[in-house]
């Protein structure tokens, strides 16, 4: 599908610590947009760790010298990148714009060198400070403020523009001191996520699905506890897709559910559409989200949502009404029991979600992204004409 109408094609650098074999939203979103950019004639250079590939610049991997953090990162399929100046300079000199996806050392170095080379920079706000602090076991709010202070200073206020996946994300990053221009661009949902005529995975049970990393901020334990407290638990099948450092804890907790009524599986990206189409309800309990791609994917497959009403999550924007929101475990149990008993109303919610999700197509998001690239390059070009920066030591 050709979406672009611009006469000149761009050379774009996508900068992120991991690109292949990861399951986090930032990576998946970057992969999807990169595919569309290339299909529309743009040249995209990936700067990342991992295996060699065409149009990719490799940088070294780095794990912090703390065994606990390394175990957590390994389970999350994440590694930090440790770049060298020459590699980045050679890569950045070839492109028209640098798009940084993650707020870590690779992004910091790429932004700094891009500025010295006179290249415009966009960064996307994918990672909330709470995701870092909670997974590192740093629960005091002071740690979160410190992380945001570093992100804002060295990444986002050092960029020419920041992309926010949701209005909530835009408000959140401005609350912590962002001064640069922003644009809201949803991660969007590809066309392959759609309603399929498939049989239910568990036709004799009310089937609930959740997908995502088994990590602290995703709070899958709330869902397990809520189902265990349901008066209909014998007739509920729970499916938890994903992996992460809390997998063993969740497995232990699931023993409170009837035997055979919970399924754990890795997040099968090539099968996830079948899961969305084979269950009754999608529950997203995460406390921290800048948007939530799995929720959009579920909606696109006609799957109704039940969403945590968290002050640190944008996902609540997808709730049709209060029946699709919860704050506590007790309220989640109450809402699950309600939807268990109101199947016809749930069918109607399917149709409403299918209509609602039309505003989140990836084609629409792609067009906004492409337009943003052109506008930033044009605006930065005017700055370069006024004062061309010289290369410095970095």
Protein backbone atom coordinates (compact mmCIF):
# COMPACT_ATOMS: atom_id res chain seq x y z
CA UNK A 1 0.00 0.00 0.00
CA UNK A 2 1.57 3.28 -1.15
CA UNK A 3 0.84 6.08 1.30
CA UNK A 4 3.34 8.81 0.59
CA UNK A 5 2.87 11.52 -2.02
CA UNK A 6 6.07 13.48 -1.31
CA UNK A 7 8.41 13.80 -4.34
CA UNK A 8 11.69 13.25 -2.46
CA UNK A 9 12.50 10.18 -0.40
CA UNK A 10 14.29 10.34 2.91
CA UNK A 11 17.28 8.67 4.54
CA UNK A 12 16.27 7.96 8.14
CA UNK A 13 18.25 6.51 11.04
CA UNK A 14 16.24 4.54 13.59
CA UNK A 15 18.21 4.39 16.84
CA UNK A 16 17.30 1.82 19.50
CA UNK A 17 19.19 -0.57 21.77
CA UNK A 18 17.48 -3.73 20.51
CA UNK A 19 15.65 -4.36 17.24
CA UNK A 20 15.23 -8.09 16.62
CA UNK A 21 13.71 -10.74 18.89
CA UNK A 22 12.31 -8.26 21.41
CA UNK A 23 8.69 -8.10 22.52
CA UNK A 24 8.39 -4.58 23.91
CA UNK A 25 6.14 -2.03 22.27
CA UNK A 26 8.92 0.38 21.25
CA UNK A 27 10.66 -2.30 19.18
CA UNK A 28 7.50 -3.66 17.57
CA UNK A 29 6.30 -0.16 16.72
CA UNK A 30 9.67 0.73 15.18
CA UNK A 31 9.65 -2.47 13.12
CA UNK A 32 6.17 -1.75 11.78
CA UNK A 33 6.89 1.85 10.84
CA UNK A 34 10.24 0.88 9.32
CA UNK A 35 8.51 -1.66 7.07
CA UNK A 36 6.04 1.01 5.88
CA UNK A 37 8.76 3.59 5.34
CA UNK A 38 10.75 1.16 3.21
CA UNK A 39 7.68 0.09 1.24
CA UNK A 40 7.10 3.73 0.41
CA UNK A 41 10.59 4.24 -0.95
CA UNK A 42 12.41 5.72 2.03
CA UNK A 43 15.79 4.35 3.09
CA UNK A 44 15.90 3.37 6.76
CA UNK A 45 19.15 2.64 8.56
CA UNK A 46 18.83 0.72 11.83
CA UNK A 47 21.44 1.49 14.50
CA UNK A 48 21.21 -1.23 17.12
CA UNK A 49 22.65 -4.37 18.70
CA UNK A 50 21.87 -7.91 17.55
CA UNK A 51 22.56 -9.88 14.38
CA UNK A 52 23.97 -8.40 11.19
CA UNK A 53 21.39 -7.35 8.60
CA UNK A 54 21.08 -5.24 5.48
CA UNK A 55 20.79 -1.50 6.20
CA UNK A 56 21.82 -1.99 9.78
CA UNK A 57 24.75 -0.59 11.77
CA UNK A 58 25.82 -2.80 14.67
CA UNK A 59 26.83 -1.47 18.07
CA UNK A 60 28.10 -3.43 21.06
CA UNK A 61 25.90 -4.96 23.75
CA UNK A 62 26.22 -4.00 27.38
CA UNK A 63 24.75 -5.41 30.61
CA UNK A 64 25.15 -3.56 33.93
CA UNK A 65 27.55 -5.44 36.27
CA UNK A 66 24.68 -6.42 38.57
CA UNK A 67 23.50 -10.02 38.31
CA UNK A 68 19.88 -9.24 39.27
CA UNK A 69 19.54 -6.57 36.58
CA UNK A 70 21.11 -8.83 33.99
CA UNK A 71 18.60 -11.60 34.80
CA UNK A 72 15.70 -9.14 34.54
CA UNK A 73 16.95 -7.74 31.23
CA UNK A 74 17.53 -11.22 29.81
CA UNK A 75 13.98 -12.32 30.67
CA UNK A 76 12.68 -9.14 29.04
CA UNK A 77 14.85 -9.76 25.96
CA UNK A 78 16.56 -6.41 26.36
CA UNK A 79 20.18 -5.27 26.35
CA UNK A 80 21.77 -1.82 26.44
CA UNK A 81 23.86 -0.63 23.52
CA UNK A 82 27.40 0.67 23.98
CA UNK A 83 28.23 2.73 20.88
CA UNK A 84 31.52 4.15 19.71
CA UNK A 85 31.86 7.61 18.21
CA UNK A 86 33.25 6.63 14.79
CA UNK A 87 30.46 4.10 14.12
CA UNK A 88 27.76 6.63 14.96
CA UNK A 89 29.38 9.47 13.03
CA UNK A 90 29.75 7.33 9.90
CA UNK A 91 26.09 6.29 10.15
CA UNK A 92 24.57 9.66 10.98
CA UNK A 93 26.45 11.44 8.20
CA UNK A 94 24.50 9.31 5.68
CA UNK A 95 20.98 10.27 6.79
CA UNK A 96 18.60 13.23 6.63
CA UNK A 97 17.12 12.77 10.11
CA UNK A 98 17.78 10.75 13.25
CA UNK A 99 14.82 9.13 15.03
CA UNK A 100 15.76 8.01 18.53
CA UNK A 101 13.40 5.49 20.12
CA UNK A 102 14.81 4.86 23.63
CA UNK A 103 16.16 7.19 26.35
CA UNK A 104 19.40 5.39 27.07
CA UNK A 105 23.13 5.86 26.37
CA UNK A 106 22.92 4.98 22.67
CA UNK A 107 20.20 7.58 22.20
CA UNK A 108 22.14 10.19 24.14
CA UNK A 109 25.29 9.69 22.02
CA UNK A 110 23.33 9.63 18.75
CA UNK A 111 21.51 12.87 19.62
CA UNK A 112 24.71 14.63 20.68
CA UNK A 113 26.61 13.63 17.54
CA UNK A 114 23.65 14.39 15.26
CA UNK A 115 23.57 17.94 16.62
CA UNK A 116 27.28 18.36 15.98
CA UNK A 117 26.83 17.05 12.45
CA UNK A 118 23.90 19.36 11.74
CA UNK A 119 21.22 16.66 11.56
CA UNK A 120 17.70 17.08 12.96
CA UNK A 121 16.59 14.69 15.72
CA UNK A 122 13.22 13.30 16.74
CA UNK A 123 12.73 11.17 19.86
CA UNK A 124 9.70 9.07 20.77
CA UNK A 125 8.51 8.91 24.38
CA UNK A 126 8.13 5.12 24.70
CA UNK A 127 9.51 4.59 28.20
CA UNK A 128 8.04 6.02 31.39
CA UNK A 129 10.34 6.62 34.33
CA UNK A 130 8.23 4.29 36.48
CA UNK A 131 9.02 1.38 34.17
CA UNK A 132 12.71 1.82 34.95
CA UNK A 133 12.44 2.38 38.68
CA UNK A 134 9.86 -0.32 39.41
CA UNK A 135 11.74 -3.02 37.50
CA UNK A 136 14.94 -1.99 39.30
CA UNK A 137 13.20 -2.21 42.67
CA UNK A 138 13.51 1.56 43.28
CA UNK A 139 10.03 2.34 44.54
CA UNK A 140 10.49 5.78 46.16
CA UNK A 141 9.09 8.65 44.01
CA UNK A 142 12.42 10.46 44.27
CA UNK A 143 13.98 7.82 42.01
CA UNK A 144 11.27 8.35 39.40
CA UNK A 145 11.81 12.11 39.41
CA UNK A 146 15.56 11.59 39.06
CA UNK A 147 15.09 9.26 36.07
CA UNK A 148 12.76 11.73 34.38
CA UNK A 149 15.20 14.58 35.05
CA UNK A 150 17.90 12.67 33.18
CA UNK A 151 15.56 11.63 30.36
CA UNK A 152 14.33 15.18 29.85
CA UNK A 153 17.75 16.82 30.00
CA UNK A 154 19.81 14.42 27.92
CA UNK A 155 17.21 12.99 25.49
CA UNK A 156 13.94 14.85 25.05
CA UNK A 157 14.95 18.50 25.53
CA UNK A 158 18.03 17.72 23.42
CA UNK A 159 15.77 16.62 20.51
CA UNK A 160 14.05 18.93 18.03
CA UNK A 161 10.65 17.30 18.53
CA UNK A 162 9.18 14.56 20.71
CA UNK A 163 6.58 12.07 19.48
CA UNK A 164 4.08 10.99 22.13
CA UNK A 165 1.93 7.88 21.51
CA UNK A 166 -1.03 9.39 23.37
CA UNK A 167 -2.35 12.67 24.75
CA UNK A 168 -1.71 11.27 28.22
CA UNK A 169 1.96 10.66 27.33
CA UNK A 170 2.26 14.23 26.04
CA UNK A 171 0.83 15.67 29.26
CA UNK A 172 3.01 13.39 31.39
CA UNK A 173 6.30 14.31 29.76
CA UNK A 174 5.46 18.02 29.85
CA UNK A 175 4.65 17.66 33.55
CA UNK A 176 8.27 16.61 34.09
CA UNK A 177 9.73 19.59 32.24
CA UNK A 178 9.74 18.99 28.49
CA UNK A 179 10.12 22.28 26.60
CA UNK A 180 10.46 21.05 23.01
CA UNK A 181 7.58 20.73 20.50
CA UNK A 182 5.49 17.56 20.60
CA UNK A 183 3.16 15.68 18.30
CA UNK A 184 0.76 12.89 19.29
CA UNK A 185 1.08 9.87 16.99
CA UNK A 186 -0.45 6.56 18.03
CA UNK A 187 1.55 3.40 17.44
CA UNK A 188 -1.45 2.32 15.38
CA UNK A 189 -2.64 -1.12 14.39
CA UNK A 190 -1.79 -2.94 11.12
CA UNK A 191 -4.51 -4.22 8.79
CA UNK A 192 -3.80 -7.88 9.58
CA UNK A 193 -5.34 -7.39 13.02
CA UNK A 194 -8.97 -8.00 12.16
CA UNK A 195 -11.97 -10.17 12.92
CA UNK A 196 -11.52 -13.77 11.78
CA UNK A 197 -14.12 -16.52 11.64
CA UNK A 198 -12.40 -18.80 14.15
CA UNK A 199 -13.83 -21.11 16.81
CA UNK A 200 -13.31 -20.20 20.46
CA UNK A 201 -10.18 -21.63 22.03
CA UNK A 202 -12.22 -22.88 24.99
CA UNK A 203 -15.85 -23.12 23.85
CA UNK A 204 -17.07 -24.43 27.22
CA UNK A 205 -15.56 -21.55 29.25
CA UNK A 206 -15.65 -17.77 29.50
CA UNK A 207 -12.13 -17.02 28.27
CA UNK A 208 -10.08 -14.03 29.40
CA UNK A 209 -6.83 -13.01 27.71
CA UNK A 210 -4.00 -10.73 28.81
CA UNK A 211 -0.69 -10.20 27.00
CA UNK A 212 2.55 -8.48 27.93
CA UNK A 213 5.79 -8.79 29.87
CA UNK A 214 5.56 -10.61 33.19
CA UNK A 215 6.86 -7.50 34.95
CA UNK A 216 5.88 -5.56 38.03
CA UNK A 217 4.12 -2.67 36.28
CA UNK A 218 1.99 -5.02 34.14
CA UNK A 219 0.27 -6.39 37.27
CA UNK A 220 -0.93 -9.73 35.90
CA UNK A 221 -1.12 -10.86 39.53
CA UNK A 222 -4.19 -8.63 39.97
CA UNK A 223 -5.97 -10.55 37.25
CA UNK A 224 -5.08 -13.92 38.77
CA UNK A 225 -6.35 -12.79 42.17
CA UNK A 226 -9.53 -11.35 40.66
CA UNK A 227 -10.37 -14.54 38.77
CA UNK A 228 -9.60 -16.64 41.86
CA UNK A 229 -12.16 -14.56 43.78
CA UNK A 230 -14.86 -14.84 41.11
CA UNK A 231 -17.93 -16.91 41.91
CA UNK A 232 -17.69 -18.20 38.34
CA UNK A 233 -14.01 -19.20 38.49
CA UNK A 234 -14.76 -22.83 37.64
CA UNK A 235 -16.16 -21.65 34.30
CA UNK A 236 -13.43 -19.11 33.50
CA UNK A 237 -10.35 -19.88 31.39
CA UNK A 238 -7.47 -17.44 31.84
CA UNK A 239 -4.74 -17.07 29.20
CA UNK A 240 -1.55 -15.14 30.05
CA UNK A 241 0.78 -14.50 27.12
CA UNK A 242 4.29 -13.18 27.70
CA UNK A 243 7.47 -13.75 29.65
CA UNK A 244 9.53 -11.87 32.17
CA UNK A 245 11.09 -11.86 35.63
CA UNK A 246 7.78 -12.49 37.43
CA UNK A 247 6.83 -15.60 35.45
CA UNK A 248 7.62 -18.03 38.29
CA UNK A 249 5.69 -15.93 40.81
CA UNK A 250 2.64 -15.84 38.52
CA UNK A 251 2.83 -19.59 38.00
CA UNK A 252 2.81 -20.10 41.76
CA UNK A 253 -0.13 -17.73 42.22
CA UNK A 254 -2.12 -19.51 39.51
CA UNK A 255 -2.35 -22.58 41.76
CA UNK A 256 -5.28 -20.78 43.41
CA UNK A 257 -7.25 -21.27 40.20
CA UNK A 258 -8.99 -24.54 39.24
CA UNK A 259 -6.59 -27.00 37.65
CA UNK A 260 -6.43 -26.57 33.89
CA UNK A 261 -8.16 -23.16 33.94
CA UNK A 262 -5.05 -21.06 33.29
CA UNK A 263 -2.70 -21.18 30.31
CA UNK A 264 0.76 -19.57 30.26
CA UNK A 265 2.50 -19.13 26.95
CA UNK A 266 5.16 -16.98 25.35
CA UNK A 267 3.82 -14.07 23.33
CA UNK A 268 3.47 -15.75 19.90
CA UNK A 269 3.56 -12.79 17.51
CA UNK A 270 2.56 -14.95 14.56
CA UNK A 271 -0.38 -16.43 16.50
CA UNK A 272 -1.54 -13.49 18.58
CA UNK A 273 -4.31 -12.56 16.11
CA UNK A 274 -5.80 -16.03 16.54
CA UNK A 275 -5.77 -15.55 20.32
CA UNK A 276 -7.53 -12.21 20.04
CA UNK A 277 -10.18 -13.84 17.87
CA UNK A 278 -10.67 -16.89 20.07
CA UNK A 279 -11.52 -15.41 23.49
CA UNK A 280 -14.29 -13.39 25.14
CA UNK A 281 -12.57 -10.55 26.97
CA UNK A 282 -9.19 -8.78 27.05
CA UNK A 283 -8.03 -7.53 30.47
CA UNK A 284 -5.18 -5.03 30.77
CA UNK A 285 -4.15 -4.47 34.38
CA UNK A 286 -0.95 -2.47 33.81
CA UNK A 287 -0.40 0.56 36.02
CA UNK A 288 2.10 2.23 33.67
CA UNK A 289 1.53 2.67 29.91
CA UNK A 290 2.10 5.42 27.33
CA UNK A 291 -0.51 3.78 25.09
CA UNK A 292 -0.68 -0.08 24.99
CA UNK A 293 -0.40 -1.70 21.58
CA UNK A 294 -1.96 -5.00 22.64
CA UNK A 295 -5.16 -3.18 23.65
CA UNK A 296 -5.41 -1.58 20.20
CA UNK A 297 -4.73 -4.93 18.52
CA UNK A 298 -7.42 -6.60 20.62
CA UNK A 299 -9.96 -3.93 19.71
CA UNK A 300 -9.15 -4.30 16.02
CA UNK A 301 -10.02 -8.00 16.34
CA UNK A 302 -13.38 -7.13 17.91
CA UNK A 303 -12.30 -8.03 21.43
CA UNK A 304 -13.87 -5.97 24.26
CA UNK A 305 -11.54 -4.50 26.87
CA UNK A 306 -11.47 -4.31 30.66
CA UNK A 307 -8.79 -1.78 31.63
CA UNK A 308 -7.06 -0.61 34.80
CA UNK A 309 -8.00 2.97 35.62
CA UNK A 310 -4.48 4.04 36.62
CA UNK A 311 -3.27 7.63 36.83
CA UNK A 312 -0.01 6.54 35.16
CA UNK A 313 -1.60 4.75 32.21
CA UNK A 314 -2.98 6.02 28.91
CA UNK A 315 -4.85 2.76 28.26
CA UNK A 316 -7.96 3.97 30.06
CA UNK A 317 -8.59 6.20 27.03
CA UNK A 318 -9.87 3.08 25.26
CA UNK A 319 -12.70 2.36 27.72
CA UNK A 320 -16.15 2.77 26.18
CA UNK A 321 -17.64 3.52 29.60
CA UNK A 322 -17.22 2.76 33.31
CA UNK A 323 -18.15 -0.88 32.78
CA UNK A 324 -14.82 -1.31 31.03
CA UNK A 325 -12.68 0.18 33.85
CA UNK A 326 -11.50 -1.04 37.25
CA UNK A 327 -9.25 0.27 40.03
CA UNK A 328 -8.99 -2.54 42.59
CA UNK A 329 -8.87 -6.32 42.59
CA UNK A 330 -12.36 -6.39 44.09
CA UNK A 331 -13.71 -4.15 41.35
CA UNK A 332 -12.01 -6.27 38.70
CA UNK A 333 -13.70 -9.38 40.08
CA UNK A 334 -17.02 -7.53 40.05
CA UNK A 335 -16.56 -6.45 36.41
CA UNK A 336 -15.48 -9.93 35.30
CA UNK A 337 -18.59 -11.40 36.94
CA UNK A 338 -20.73 -8.74 35.27
CA UNK A 339 -19.45 -9.54 31.79
CA UNK A 340 -19.70 -13.27 32.51
CA UNK A 341 -23.43 -12.78 33.07
CA UNK A 342 -24.05 -10.26 30.27
CA UNK A 343 -22.81 -12.01 27.13
CA UNK A 344 -25.25 -10.24 24.79
CA UNK A 345 -24.07 -6.85 26.00
CA UNK A 346 -20.51 -8.04 25.50
CA UNK A 347 -21.33 -8.88 21.88
CA UNK A 348 -22.61 -5.34 21.41
CA UNK A 349 -19.39 -4.00 22.93
CA UNK A 350 -17.47 -5.91 20.25
CA UNK A 351 -19.18 -3.88 17.53
CA UNK A 352 -18.61 -0.63 19.40
CA UNK A 353 -14.91 -1.35 19.84
CA UNK A 354 -14.54 -2.22 16.16
CA UNK A 355 -15.95 1.18 15.27
CA UNK A 356 -13.91 2.96 17.95
CA UNK A 357 -10.57 1.48 16.83
CA UNK A 358 -10.85 2.88 13.29
CA UNK A 359 -9.15 6.07 14.46
CA UNK A 360 -6.02 4.09 15.34
CA UNK A 361 -5.03 2.60 11.98
CA UNK A 362 -1.30 2.38 11.37
CA UNK A 363 -1.81 3.96 7.95
CA UNK A 364 -3.07 7.12 9.61
CA UNK A 365 -0.19 7.08 12.11
CA UNK A 366 2.32 6.48 9.32
CA UNK A 367 1.09 9.50 7.39
CA UNK A 368 1.48 11.68 10.51
CA UNK A 369 4.97 10.29 11.08
CA UNK A 370 6.08 10.89 7.52
CA UNK A 371 4.69 14.44 7.55
CA UNK A 372 6.52 15.05 10.83
CA UNK A 373 9.84 13.96 9.31
CA UNK A 374 9.43 16.37 6.40
CA UNK A 375 8.38 19.28 8.61
CA UNK A 376 11.25 18.85 11.08
CA UNK A 377 13.81 18.51 8.27
CA UNK A 378 12.45 21.64 6.60
CA UNK A 379 12.46 23.64 9.84
CA UNK A 380 15.92 22.41 10.81
CA UNK A 381 17.21 23.23 7.34
CA UNK A 382 16.43 26.86 7.97
CA UNK A 383 18.42 26.72 11.22
CA UNK A 384 21.37 25.11 9.44
CA UNK A 385 21.44 27.90 6.85
CA UNK A 386 21.65 30.44 9.66
CA UNK A 387 24.44 28.68 11.56
CA UNK A 388 26.05 25.44 10.42
CA UNK A 389 27.35 23.56 13.50
CA UNK A 390 30.88 22.17 13.52
CA UNK A 391 31.93 18.72 14.71
CA UNK A 392 33.21 18.59 18.30
CA UNK A 393 34.66 15.91 20.51
CA UNK A 394 32.01 13.68 22.10
